[in-house]
C-alpha cells in the first residue's frame, strides 16, 4: 500500500484566521493549543480571578469581565463572587453643582451635556437650568461645544442673538438648526455675509421670507406728529 502526501495551499480565509488568531484568542487558550493544561494551570487561573476581584472591590466597582477569558460568558467571576462577602455597589446620588463647580469641571474634563427635564447631566452630577444659563453666559466657550443632541432650551437662541460669535461654538448638528442660525445671522454681520456667499438661492430666500414674516409680526410703533 502506498501513501501520497499532498501539500495544498491555504485558502484566503485560513490565512486571515491565522493572522488574527493570536490577537483575538486569550493567552490561556493559545497555551492550551501548544501543551496540555494541568490542574496547577487551572488553579493559577482561578487565583488570577480572585486577585482581580479583590482589586476591583478595593476600587469600589463590581468586576464585569473575567481576567482569564476574553468574553463575559464564563462562570469564573460568579464562582469567585459567590465566596465573597456581600458588598453594596449602589452609586451615590448625583450632586447639584454650583456655577463655579460646573465651570471648573468642564474646564478640567469636558463632559457631553445632556438636557433632562429640569436639569443638565454632567457625568454623574447635575446642574439646574439656572446654573446652566449662568455658566453659558459667563463662559460660552467652555459649555456650548459640548452640548448633546437633546432638545436645547429657548434661551440659547437669546444668547446667540445677544452675543455675536457664540453661534460658531455650537456643535455642527445645532448650527444647522434654523432656530439658532437665523438669530445668529441677525446678530453677526460677518456670519451673514458668509451665509449670503455660500448658501444656495433657496436657503437665502427661505431665510429672507422667515425674516420678513418675523418683522411683519412685530408691533409697529406709532409716530405722533407734532403740531
Protein backbone atom coordinates (compact mmCIF):
# COMPACT_ATOMS: atom_id res chain seq x y z
CA UNK A 1 0.00 0.00 0.00
CA UNK A 2 1.36 3.37 -0.99
CA UNK A 3 0.53 6.74 0.55
CA UNK A 4 0.96 10.11 -1.09
CA UNK A 5 1.33 13.37 0.80
CA UNK A 6 -0.14 16.37 -0.98
CA UNK A 7 0.51 19.85 0.41
CA UNK A 8 -2.33 22.17 -0.56
CA UNK A 9 -2.01 25.96 -0.39
CA UNK A 10 -4.01 27.64 2.35
CA UNK A 11 -7.17 29.46 1.40
CA UNK A 12 -7.52 33.20 1.99
CA UNK A 13 -9.94 32.64 4.87
CA UNK A 14 -7.41 30.31 6.54
CA UNK A 15 -4.66 32.88 6.10
CA UNK A 16 -6.85 35.63 7.58
CA UNK A 17 -7.81 33.41 10.51
CA UNK A 18 -4.19 32.52 11.22
CA UNK A 19 -3.20 36.19 11.07
CA UNK A 20 -5.77 37.35 13.63
CA UNK A 21 -5.94 34.23 15.80
CA UNK A 22 -3.21 35.27 18.23
CA UNK A 23 -4.65 38.78 18.53
CA UNK A 24 -8.16 37.62 19.43
CA UNK A 25 -7.50 34.38 21.28
CA UNK A 26 -6.89 34.50 25.09
CA UNK A 27 -3.41 33.59 26.26
CA UNK A 28 -4.59 30.52 28.17
CA UNK A 29 -6.20 29.06 25.03
CA UNK A 30 -3.09 29.74 22.95
CA UNK A 31 -1.07 27.89 25.56
CA UNK A 32 -3.59 25.04 25.62
CA UNK A 33 -3.09 24.64 21.85
CA UNK A 34 0.61 24.02 22.45
CA UNK A 35 0.73 21.98 25.69
CA UNK A 36 -1.74 20.03 27.82
CA UNK A 37 -3.00 22.11 30.76
CA UNK A 38 -2.73 20.62 34.22
CA UNK A 39 -4.62 21.16 37.48
CA UNK A 40 -1.90 23.61 38.52
CA UNK A 41 -2.66 25.76 35.45
CA UNK A 42 -6.38 25.91 36.26
CA UNK A 43 -5.61 26.72 39.90
CA UNK A 44 -3.40 29.57 38.75
CA UNK A 45 -6.17 30.96 36.54
CA UNK A 46 -8.65 30.86 39.43
CA UNK A 47 -6.15 32.72 41.60
CA UNK A 48 -5.83 35.43 38.95
CA UNK A 49 -9.58 35.96 39.09
CA UNK A 50 -9.56 36.13 42.90
CA UNK A 51 -6.87 38.83 42.78
CA UNK A 52 -8.77 40.66 40.02
CA UNK A 53 -11.98 40.69 42.09
CA UNK A 54 -10.15 41.91 45.21
CA UNK A 55 -8.56 44.79 43.26
CA UNK A 56 -11.95 45.77 41.81
CA UNK A 57 -13.62 45.71 45.21
CA UNK A 58 -10.90 47.97 46.60
CA UNK A 59 -11.81 50.47 43.86
CA UNK A 60 -15.49 50.08 44.82
CA UNK A 61 -16.52 48.76 41.42
CA UNK A 62 -18.01 45.42 40.50
CA UNK A 63 -15.89 43.36 38.06
CA UNK A 64 -17.75 42.51 34.87
CA UNK A 65 -15.12 40.68 32.82
CA UNK A 66 -13.12 37.58 33.60
CA UNK A 67 -9.39 38.17 33.97
CA UNK A 68 -8.55 34.98 32.06
CA UNK A 69 -11.23 34.78 29.39
CA UNK A 70 -11.81 37.50 26.83
CA UNK A 71 -15.60 37.40 26.93
CA UNK A 72 -18.19 37.76 29.68
CA UNK A 73 -19.98 34.45 29.21
CA UNK A 74 -17.86 32.32 31.54
CA UNK A 75 -18.84 31.42 35.11
CA UNK A 76 -15.45 32.23 36.67
CA UNK A 77 -16.49 35.53 38.23
CA UNK A 78 -19.74 34.08 39.55
CA UNK A 79 -17.79 31.35 41.35
CA UNK A 80 -15.36 33.84 42.86
CA UNK A 81 -18.02 36.39 43.87
CA UNK A 82 -20.13 33.65 45.44
CA UNK A 83 -17.43 33.16 48.06
CA UNK A 84 -17.04 36.87 48.75
CA UNK A 85 -18.87 38.80 51.48
CA UNK A 86 -21.87 40.81 50.32
CA UNK A 87 -20.75 44.22 49.06
CA UNK A 88 -23.05 47.09 48.13
CA UNK A 89 -22.41 48.58 44.67
CA UNK A 90 -25.06 51.29 44.82
CA UNK A 91 -23.91 54.54 43.29
CA UNK A 92 -24.08 57.69 45.42
CA UNK A 93 -26.84 60.15 44.50
CA UNK A 94 -25.87 62.85 41.96
CA UNK A 95 -24.60 66.18 43.31
CA UNK A 96 -26.06 69.52 42.31
CA UNK A 97 -23.12 71.60 41.14
CA UNK A 98 -22.85 75.33 41.61
CA UNK A 99 -21.88 77.54 38.69
CA UNK A 100 -18.23 77.63 39.80
CA UNK A 101 -18.11 73.85 40.26
CA UNK A 102 -19.77 73.33 36.88
CA UNK A 103 -17.30 75.56 35.05
CA UNK A 104 -14.34 74.04 36.91
CA UNK A 105 -15.45 70.53 35.96
CA UNK A 106 -15.90 71.49 32.29
CA UNK A 107 -12.51 73.18 32.12
CA UNK A 108 -10.77 70.18 33.69
CA UNK A 109 -12.56 67.40 31.80
CA UNK A 110 -15.34 68.42 29.39
CA UNK A 111 -18.43 66.20 29.54
CA UNK A 112 -21.08 65.67 26.91
CA UNK A 113 -24.02 67.61 28.31
CA UNK A 114 -27.48 66.09 28.03
CA UNK A 115 -30.55 68.07 29.00
CA UNK A 116 -33.11 66.27 31.12
CA UNK A 117 -36.49 67.61 32.21
CA UNK A 118 -35.34 70.39 34.54
CA UNK A 119 -31.60 69.85 34.78
CA UNK A 120 -28.47 69.03 32.80
CA UNK A 121 -26.46 65.84 33.24
CA UNK A 122 -22.72 66.39 33.87
CA UNK A 123 -21.18 62.94 34.21
CA UNK A 124 -22.65 61.61 37.46
CA UNK A 125 -23.62 65.08 38.68
CA UNK A 126 -26.32 67.52 37.59
CA UNK A 127 -26.79 71.27 37.24
CA UNK A 128 -30.05 73.16 37.34
CA UNK A 129 -31.36 75.19 34.40
CA UNK A 130 -30.45 78.41 36.22
CA UNK A 131 -26.85 77.30 36.77
CA UNK A 132 -26.51 76.17 33.15
CA UNK A 133 -27.84 79.55 31.96
CA UNK A 134 -25.36 81.46 34.11
CA UNK A 135 -22.42 79.27 33.11
CA UNK A 136 -23.14 79.57 29.37
CA UNK A 137 -23.42 83.35 29.64
CA UNK A 138 -20.14 83.60 31.60
CA UNK A 139 -18.01 81.14 29.60
CA UNK A 140 -19.84 80.00 26.45
CA UNK A 141 -16.61 78.57 25.03
CA UNK A 142 -16.42 76.07 27.91
CA UNK A 143 -20.04 74.88 27.63
CA UNK A 144 -21.55 75.29 24.16
CA UNK A 145 -19.16 73.00 22.19
CA UNK A 146 -20.16 70.07 24.42
CA UNK A 147 -23.95 70.28 24.17
CA UNK A 148 -25.53 66.92 23.41
CA UNK A 149 -28.22 66.15 20.87
CA UNK A 150 -31.12 66.53 23.28
CA UNK A 151 -33.52 69.47 22.99
CA UNK A 152 -31.93 72.82 23.74
CA UNK A 153 -33.85 75.46 25.71
CA UNK A 154 -35.19 78.59 24.02
CA UNK A 155 -32.83 80.89 25.89
CA UNK A 156 -29.86 79.53 23.92
CA UNK A 157 -31.33 81.39 20.94
CA UNK A 158 -31.48 84.55 23.06
CA UNK A 159 -27.82 84.09 24.00
CA UNK A 160 -26.90 83.75 20.32
CA UNK A 161 -28.80 86.94 19.49
CA UNK A 162 -27.11 88.90 22.27
CA UNK A 163 -23.53 87.68 21.72
CA UNK A 164 -22.17 87.65 18.14
CA UNK A 165 -19.73 84.78 17.60
CA UNK A 166 -21.39 82.44 20.11
CA UNK A 167 -23.18 80.58 17.30
CA UNK A 168 -19.92 79.12 15.98
CA UNK A 169 -19.28 77.50 19.37
CA UNK A 170 -22.30 75.25 18.94
CA UNK A 171 -21.84 71.67 17.69
CA UNK A 172 -22.38 71.25 13.95
CA UNK A 173 -25.70 69.47 14.47
CA UNK A 174 -27.12 72.58 16.18
CA UNK A 175 -25.54 75.08 13.76
CA UNK A 176 -27.70 73.59 11.01
CA UNK A 177 -30.86 74.26 13.02
CA UNK A 178 -32.76 77.30 11.71
CA UNK A 179 -33.88 78.27 15.21
CA UNK A 180 -30.24 79.08 16.05
CA UNK A 181 -28.95 80.00 12.60
CA UNK A 182 -31.44 82.80 11.90
CA UNK A 183 -30.84 84.73 15.18
CA UNK A 184 -27.10 84.38 14.57
CA UNK A 185 -27.48 85.89 11.08
CA UNK A 186 -29.21 88.91 12.59
CA UNK A 187 -26.57 89.39 15.30
CA UNK A 188 -23.36 88.63 13.38
CA UNK A 189 -22.66 90.66 10.24
CA UNK A 190 -19.63 88.57 9.23
CA UNK A 191 -21.64 85.37 9.53
CA UNK A 192 -24.44 86.94 7.48
CA UNK A 193 -22.01 87.88 4.69
CA UNK A 194 -20.57 84.35 4.70
CA UNK A 195 -24.07 82.86 4.55
CA UNK A 196 -25.09 85.04 1.59
CA UNK A 197 -21.97 83.98 -0.29
CA UNK A 198 -22.05 80.22 0.43
CA UNK A 199 -25.73 79.32 0.87
CA UNK A 200 -27.91 78.19 -2.01
CA UNK A 201 -30.50 80.53 -3.52
CA UNK A 202 -33.30 78.51 -1.92
CA UNK A 203 -31.69 78.75 1.54
CA UNK A 204 -31.21 82.51 1.21
CA UNK A 205 -34.80 83.01 0.05
CA UNK A 206 -36.13 80.86 2.90
CA UNK A 207 -34.19 82.98 5.42
CA UNK A 208 -35.45 86.22 3.87
CA UNK A 209 -39.05 85.01 3.95
CA UNK A 210 -38.73 83.97 7.57
CA UNK A 211 -37.14 87.32 8.38
CA UNK A 212 -39.92 89.23 6.63
CA UNK A 213 -42.59 87.26 8.49
CA UNK A 214 -40.84 87.95 11.79
CA UNK A 215 -40.66 91.69 11.09
CA UNK A 216 -44.28 91.76 9.97
CA UNK A 217 -45.41 90.08 13.20
CA UNK A 218 -43.70 92.69 15.38
CA UNK A 219 -45.93 95.54 16.62
CA UNK A 220 -45.41 98.74 14.73
CA UNK A 221 -44.55 101.94 16.52
CA UNK A 222 -46.93 104.83 16.10
CA UNK A 223 -45.39 108.13 15.17
CA UNK A 224 -47.14 111.14 16.66
CA UNK A 225 -46.85 114.27 14.54
CA UNK A 226 -46.03 117.44 16.30
CA UNK A 227 -48.50 120.23 15.80
